[in-house]
C-alpha atoms as a PDB file:
ATOM      1  CA  MET A   1     -22.384 -23.459  38.288  1.00  0.00           C
ATOM      2  CA  GLU A   2     -22.528 -26.454  36.504  1.00  0.00           C
ATOM      3  CA  LYS A   3     -20.076 -26.998  33.522  1.00  0.00           C
ATOM      4  CA  LYS A   4     -22.743 -27.405  30.875  1.00  0.00           C
ATOM      5  CA  LYS A   5     -24.500 -24.296  32.021  1.00  0.00           C
ATOM      6  CA  TYR A   6     -21.293 -22.346  31.879  1.00  0.00           C
ATOM      7  CA  GLU A   7     -20.504 -23.543  28.363  1.00  0.00           C
ATOM      8  CA  LYS A   8     -24.097 -22.525  27.086  1.00  0.00           C
ATOM      9  CA  ILE A   9     -23.635 -19.070  28.530  1.00  0.00           C
ATOM     10  CA  VAL A  10     -20.117 -18.768  26.948  1.00  0.00           C
ATOM     11  CA  ASP A  11     -21.303 -20.106  23.479  1.00  0.00           C
ATOM     12  CA  LYS A  12     -24.208 -17.549  23.727  1.00  0.00           C
ATOM     13  CA  HIS A  13     -21.780 -14.646  24.174  1.00  0.00           C
ATOM     14  CA  LYS A  14     -18.943 -15.653  22.082  1.00  0.00           C
ATOM     15  CA  PRO A  15     -18.738 -13.491  18.960  1.00  0.00           C
ATOM     16  CA  THR A  16     -19.422 -15.449  15.768  1.00  0.00           C
ATOM     17  CA  GLU A  17     -16.752 -15.640  13.086  1.00  0.00           C
ATOM     18  CA  THR A  18     -17.618 -15.096   9.453  1.00  0.00           C
ATOM     19  CA  ARG A  19     -14.677 -16.635   7.771  1.00  0.00           C
ATOM     20  CA  GLY A  20     -16.050 -16.385   4.238  1.00  0.00           C
ATOM     21  CA  GLN A  21     -16.799 -12.795   4.483  1.00  0.00           C
ATOM     22  CA  ASN A  22     -13.322 -12.147   5.981  1.00  0.00           C
ATOM     23  CA  ALA A  23     -11.593 -14.202   3.420  1.00  0.00           C
ATOM     24  CA  PHE A  24     -13.449 -12.249   0.619  1.00  0.00           C
ATOM     25  CA  ILE A  25     -12.608  -8.753   2.260  1.00  0.00           C
ATOM     26  CA  ALA A  26      -8.930  -9.922   2.588  1.00  0.00           C
ATOM     27  CA  PHE A  27      -8.810 -11.064  -1.061  1.00  0.00           C
ATOM     28  CA  VAL A  28     -10.177  -7.819  -2.332  1.00  0.00           C
ATOM     29  CA  SER A  29      -8.362  -5.545  -0.342  1.00  0.00           C
ATOM     30  CA  GLY A  30      -5.090  -7.496  -0.775  1.00  0.00           C
ATOM     31  CA  GLY A  31      -5.815  -7.454  -4.572  1.00  0.00           C
ATOM     32  CA  LEU A  32      -6.478  -3.921  -4.390  1.00  0.00           C
ATOM     33  CA  VAL A  33      -3.034  -3.255  -2.867  1.00  0.00           C
ATOM     34  CA  GLY A  34      -1.544  -5.334  -5.793  1.00  0.00           C
ATOM     35  CA  VAL A  35      -3.648  -3.188  -8.418  1.00  0.00           C
ATOM     36  CA  ILE A  36      -2.262   0.057  -6.721  1.00  0.00           C
ATOM     37  CA  ALA A  37       1.185  -1.561  -6.720  1.00  0.00           C
ATOM     38  CA  GLN A  38       1.169  -2.266 -10.366  1.00  0.00           C
ATOM     39  CA  ILE A  39      -0.336   1.122 -11.280  1.00  0.00           C
ATOM     40  CA  LEU A  40       2.505   2.834  -9.287  1.00  0.00           C
ATOM     41  CA  THR A  41       5.048   0.675 -11.094  1.00  0.00           C
ATOM     42  CA  GLU A  42       3.836   1.414 -14.663  1.00  0.00           C
ATOM     43  CA  LEU A  43       3.446   5.254 -13.617  1.00  0.00           C
ATOM     44  CA  TYR A  44       7.011   5.159 -12.372  1.00  0.00           C
ATOM     45  CA  THR A  45       8.208   3.471 -15.545  1.00  0.00           C
ATOM     46  CA  VAL A  46       6.642   6.257 -17.701  1.00  0.00           C
ATOM     47  CA  TRP A  47       7.484   9.222 -15.488  1.00  0.00           C
ATOM     48  CA  PHE A  48      10.988   8.693 -14.607  1.00  0.00           C
ATOM     49  CA  ASP A  49      11.921   6.544 -17.830  1.00  0.00           C
ATOM     50  CA  VAL A  50      13.330   3.713 -15.749  1.00  0.00           C
ATOM     51  CA  SER A  51      13.212  -0.069 -16.167  1.00  0.00           C
ATOM     52  CA  THR A  52      10.387  -2.001 -14.578  1.00  0.00           C
ATOM     53  CA  LYS A  53      12.872  -3.314 -12.058  1.00  0.00           C
ATOM     54  CA  ASP A  54      13.714   0.078 -10.808  1.00  0.00           C
ATOM     55  CA  ALA A  55      10.092   1.147 -10.969  1.00  0.00           C
ATOM     56  CA  SER A  56       9.316  -1.655  -8.630  1.00  0.00           C
ATOM     57  CA  SER A  57      11.915  -0.512  -6.068  1.00  0.00           C
ATOM     58  CA  PHE A  58      10.178   2.990  -6.221  1.00  0.00           C
ATOM     59  CA  MET A  59       6.787   1.459  -5.786  1.00  0.00           C
ATOM     60  CA  LEU A  60       7.815  -0.517  -2.662  1.00  0.00           C
ATOM     61  CA  VAL A  61       9.420   2.517  -1.041  1.00  0.00           C
ATOM     62  CA  THR A  62       6.050   4.267  -1.967  1.00  0.00           C
ATOM     63  CA  LEU A  63       3.833   1.647  -0.290  1.00  0.00           C
ATOM     64  CA  ILE A  64       6.228   1.593   2.729  1.00  0.00           C
ATOM     65  CA  PHE A  65       6.009   5.377   3.069  1.00  0.00           C
ATOM     66  CA  VAL A  66       2.242   5.453   2.791  1.00  0.00           C
ATOM     67  CA  ALA A  67       1.735   2.627   5.254  1.00  0.00           C
ATOM     68  CA  CYS A  68       3.979   4.435   7.808  1.00  0.00           C
ATOM     69  CA  LEU A  69       2.392   7.667   7.152  1.00  0.00           C
ATOM     70  CA  PHE A  70      -1.133   6.336   7.606  1.00  0.00           C
ATOM     71  CA  THR A  71       0.044   4.432  10.711  1.00  0.00           C
ATOM     72  CA  ALA A  72       1.282   7.678  12.273  1.00  0.00           C
ATOM     73  CA  LEU A  73      -1.985   9.386  11.414  1.00  0.00           C
ATOM     74  CA  GLY A  74      -4.058   6.524  12.981  1.00  0.00           C
ATOM     75  CA  PHE A  75      -5.734   5.348   9.879  1.00  0.00           C
ATOM     76  CA  PHE A  76      -3.975   2.116   9.099  1.00  0.00           C
ATOM     77  CA  ASP A  77      -5.180   0.519  12.404  1.00  0.00           C
ATOM     78  CA  ARG A  78      -8.897   0.986  11.381  1.00  0.00           C
ATOM     79  CA  TRP A  79      -8.144  -0.340   7.920  1.00  0.00           C
ATOM     80  CA  VAL A  80      -6.330  -3.467   9.109  1.00  0.00           C
ATOM     81  CA  THR A  81      -9.319  -4.153  11.450  1.00  0.00           C
ATOM     82  CA  PHE A  82     -11.522  -4.129   8.456  1.00  0.00           C
ATOM     83  CA  CYS A  83      -9.204  -5.590   5.794  1.00  0.00           C
ATOM     84  CA  LYS A  84      -7.456  -8.019   7.980  1.00  0.00           C
ATOM     85  CA  CYS A  85      -4.819 -10.022   6.082  1.00  0.00           C
ATOM     86  CA  GLY A  86      -5.295  -7.898   2.878  1.00  0.00           C
ATOM     87  CA  LEU A  87      -3.237  -5.211   4.358  1.00  0.00           C
ATOM     88  CA  ILE A  88      -1.087  -7.128   6.928  1.00  0.00           C
ATOM     89  CA  ILE A  89       0.424  -9.793   4.569  1.00  0.00           C
ATOM     90  CA  PRO A  90       1.748  -7.346   1.913  1.00  0.00           C
ATOM     91  CA  ILE A  91       4.771  -5.146   2.622  1.00  0.00           C
ATOM     92  CA  THR A  92       2.490  -2.552   4.027  1.00  0.00           C
ATOM     93  CA  GLY A  93       1.889  -4.793   7.040  1.00  0.00           C
ATOM     94  CA  PHE A  94       5.664  -5.146   7.657  1.00  0.00           C
ATOM     95  CA  ALA A  95       6.048  -1.264   7.555  1.00  0.00           C
ATOM     96  CA  HIS A  96       2.994  -0.907   9.780  1.00  0.00           C
ATOM     97  CA  SER A  97       4.359  -3.437  12.333  1.00  0.00           C
ATOM     98  CA  MET A  98       7.669  -1.378  12.619  1.00  0.00           C
ATOM     99  CA  MET A  99       6.064   2.027  12.700  1.00  0.00           C
ATOM    100  CA  SER A 100       3.584   1.195  15.402  1.00  0.00           C
ATOM    101  CA  ALA A 101       6.140  -0.421  17.558  1.00  0.00           C
ATOM    102  CA  GLY A 102       8.217   2.565  17.173  1.00  0.00           C
ATOM    103  CA  MET A 103       5.499   4.963  17.906  1.00  0.00           C
ATOM    104  CA  GLU A 104       4.510   3.053  20.975  1.00  0.00           C
ATOM    105  CA  TYR A 105       7.664   3.694  22.646  1.00  0.00           C
ATOM    106  CA  LYS A 106       8.606   7.202  21.365  1.00  0.00           C
ATOM    107  CA  LYS A 107       8.393   8.753  24.769  1.00  0.00           C
ATOM    108  CA  GLU A 108      11.374   6.774  25.959  1.00  0.00           C
ATOM    109  CA  GLY A 109      13.631   8.566  23.575  1.00  0.00           C
ATOM    110  CA  PRO A 110      15.173   7.641  20.177  1.00  0.00           C
ATOM    111  CA  ILE A 111      17.628   5.032  21.466  1.00  0.00           C
ATOM    112  CA  PHE A 112      15.931   3.201  24.130  1.00  0.00           C
ATOM    113  CA  GLY A 113      12.537   3.734  22.964  1.00  0.00           C
ATOM    114  CA  ILE A 114      12.157   3.889  19.074  1.00  0.00           C
ATOM    115  CA  GLY A 115      15.589   2.144  18.289  1.00  0.00           C
ATOM    116  CA  SER A 116      15.079  -0.661  20.911  1.00  0.00           C
ATOM    117  CA  ASN A 117      11.492  -1.372  20.073  1.00  0.00           C
ATOM    118  CA  VAL A 118      11.261  -0.805  16.391  1.00  0.00           C
ATOM    119  CA  PHE A 119      11.982  -4.383  15.579  1.00  0.00           C
ATOM    120  CA  LYS A 120       9.937  -5.938  18.266  1.00  0.00           C
ATOM    121  CA  LEU A 121       7.337  -7.653  15.944  1.00  0.00           C
ATOM    122  CA  ALA A 122       9.334  -7.400  12.620  1.00  0.00           C
ATOM    123  CA  GLY A 123      12.462  -8.863  14.269  1.00  0.00           C
ATOM    124  CA  SER A 124      10.760 -12.337  14.225  1.00  0.00           C
ATOM    125  CA  VAL A 125       9.729 -11.945  10.625  1.00  0.00           C
ATOM    126  CA  ILE A 126      13.340 -11.065   9.578  1.00  0.00           C
ATOM    127  CA  LEU A 127      14.863 -13.878  11.823  1.00  0.00           C
ATOM    128  CA  TYR A 128      12.792 -16.611  10.453  1.00  0.00           C
ATOM    129  CA  GLY A 129      12.964 -15.122   6.973  1.00  0.00           C
ATOM    130  CA  VAL A 130      16.701 -15.176   7.105  1.00  0.00           C
ATOM    131  CA  VAL A 131      16.838 -18.681   8.613  1.00  0.00           C
ATOM    132  CA  SER A 132      14.491 -20.124   6.091  1.00  0.00           C
ATOM    133  CA  ALA A 133      16.166 -18.604   3.316  1.00  0.00           C
ATOM    134  CA  TRP A 134      19.496 -20.205   4.552  1.00  0.00           C
ATOM    135  CA  PHE A 135      17.912 -23.502   4.957  1.00  0.00           C
ATOM    136  CA  PHE A 136      16.468 -23.722   1.650  1.00  0.00           C
ATOM    137  CA  GLY A 137      19.488 -22.351  -0.078  1.00  0.00           C
ATOM    138  CA  LEU A 138      21.369 -25.161   1.770  1.00  0.00           C
ATOM    139  CA  LEU A 139      18.800 -27.745   0.577  1.00  0.00           C
ATOM    140  CA  ARG A 140      18.999 -26.401  -3.065  1.00  0.00           C
ATOM    141  CA  LEU A 141      22.857 -26.739  -2.972  1.00  0.00           C
ATOM    142  CA  ILE A 142      22.445 -30.307  -1.654  1.00  0.00           C
ATOM    143  CA  ILE A 143      19.919 -31.318  -4.298  1.00  0.00           C
ATOM    144  CA  MET A 144      21.031 -29.507  -7.269  1.00  0.00           C
ATOM    145  CA  GLY A 145      24.632 -29.160  -6.592  1.00  0.00           C
ATOM    146  CA  GLY A 146      27.100 -26.196  -6.777  1.00  0.00           C
END
């Protein structure tokens, strides 16, 4: 088969990407996660009569729990497929990556299955987060001094 004919066939069957629509959906769904987080923070501030800083911690734990629960129940994968980065970028995506990796290997047991694989995807995020925090901290020390 000629190369040009092959490329035409590939182009004909290649799925089209709707970047604008995907960006809008991710923007709205990510914004909705932010609104829910703010509502939870305000509610925890009132309900538990705590500072906003403490209520923010409760909110983060709630979002992590809900993301893990929905991953375990099978909802979160479908939502991520639709919402894309709107659900992956916030802390819910981090919780989802850890939970799904752990669930994938649960048959191998709590040590060699879940324990060994839970940080499979999240480990790189933690590693590069720590390395970049160290680098920028060092850069700040050099530029601004002690």
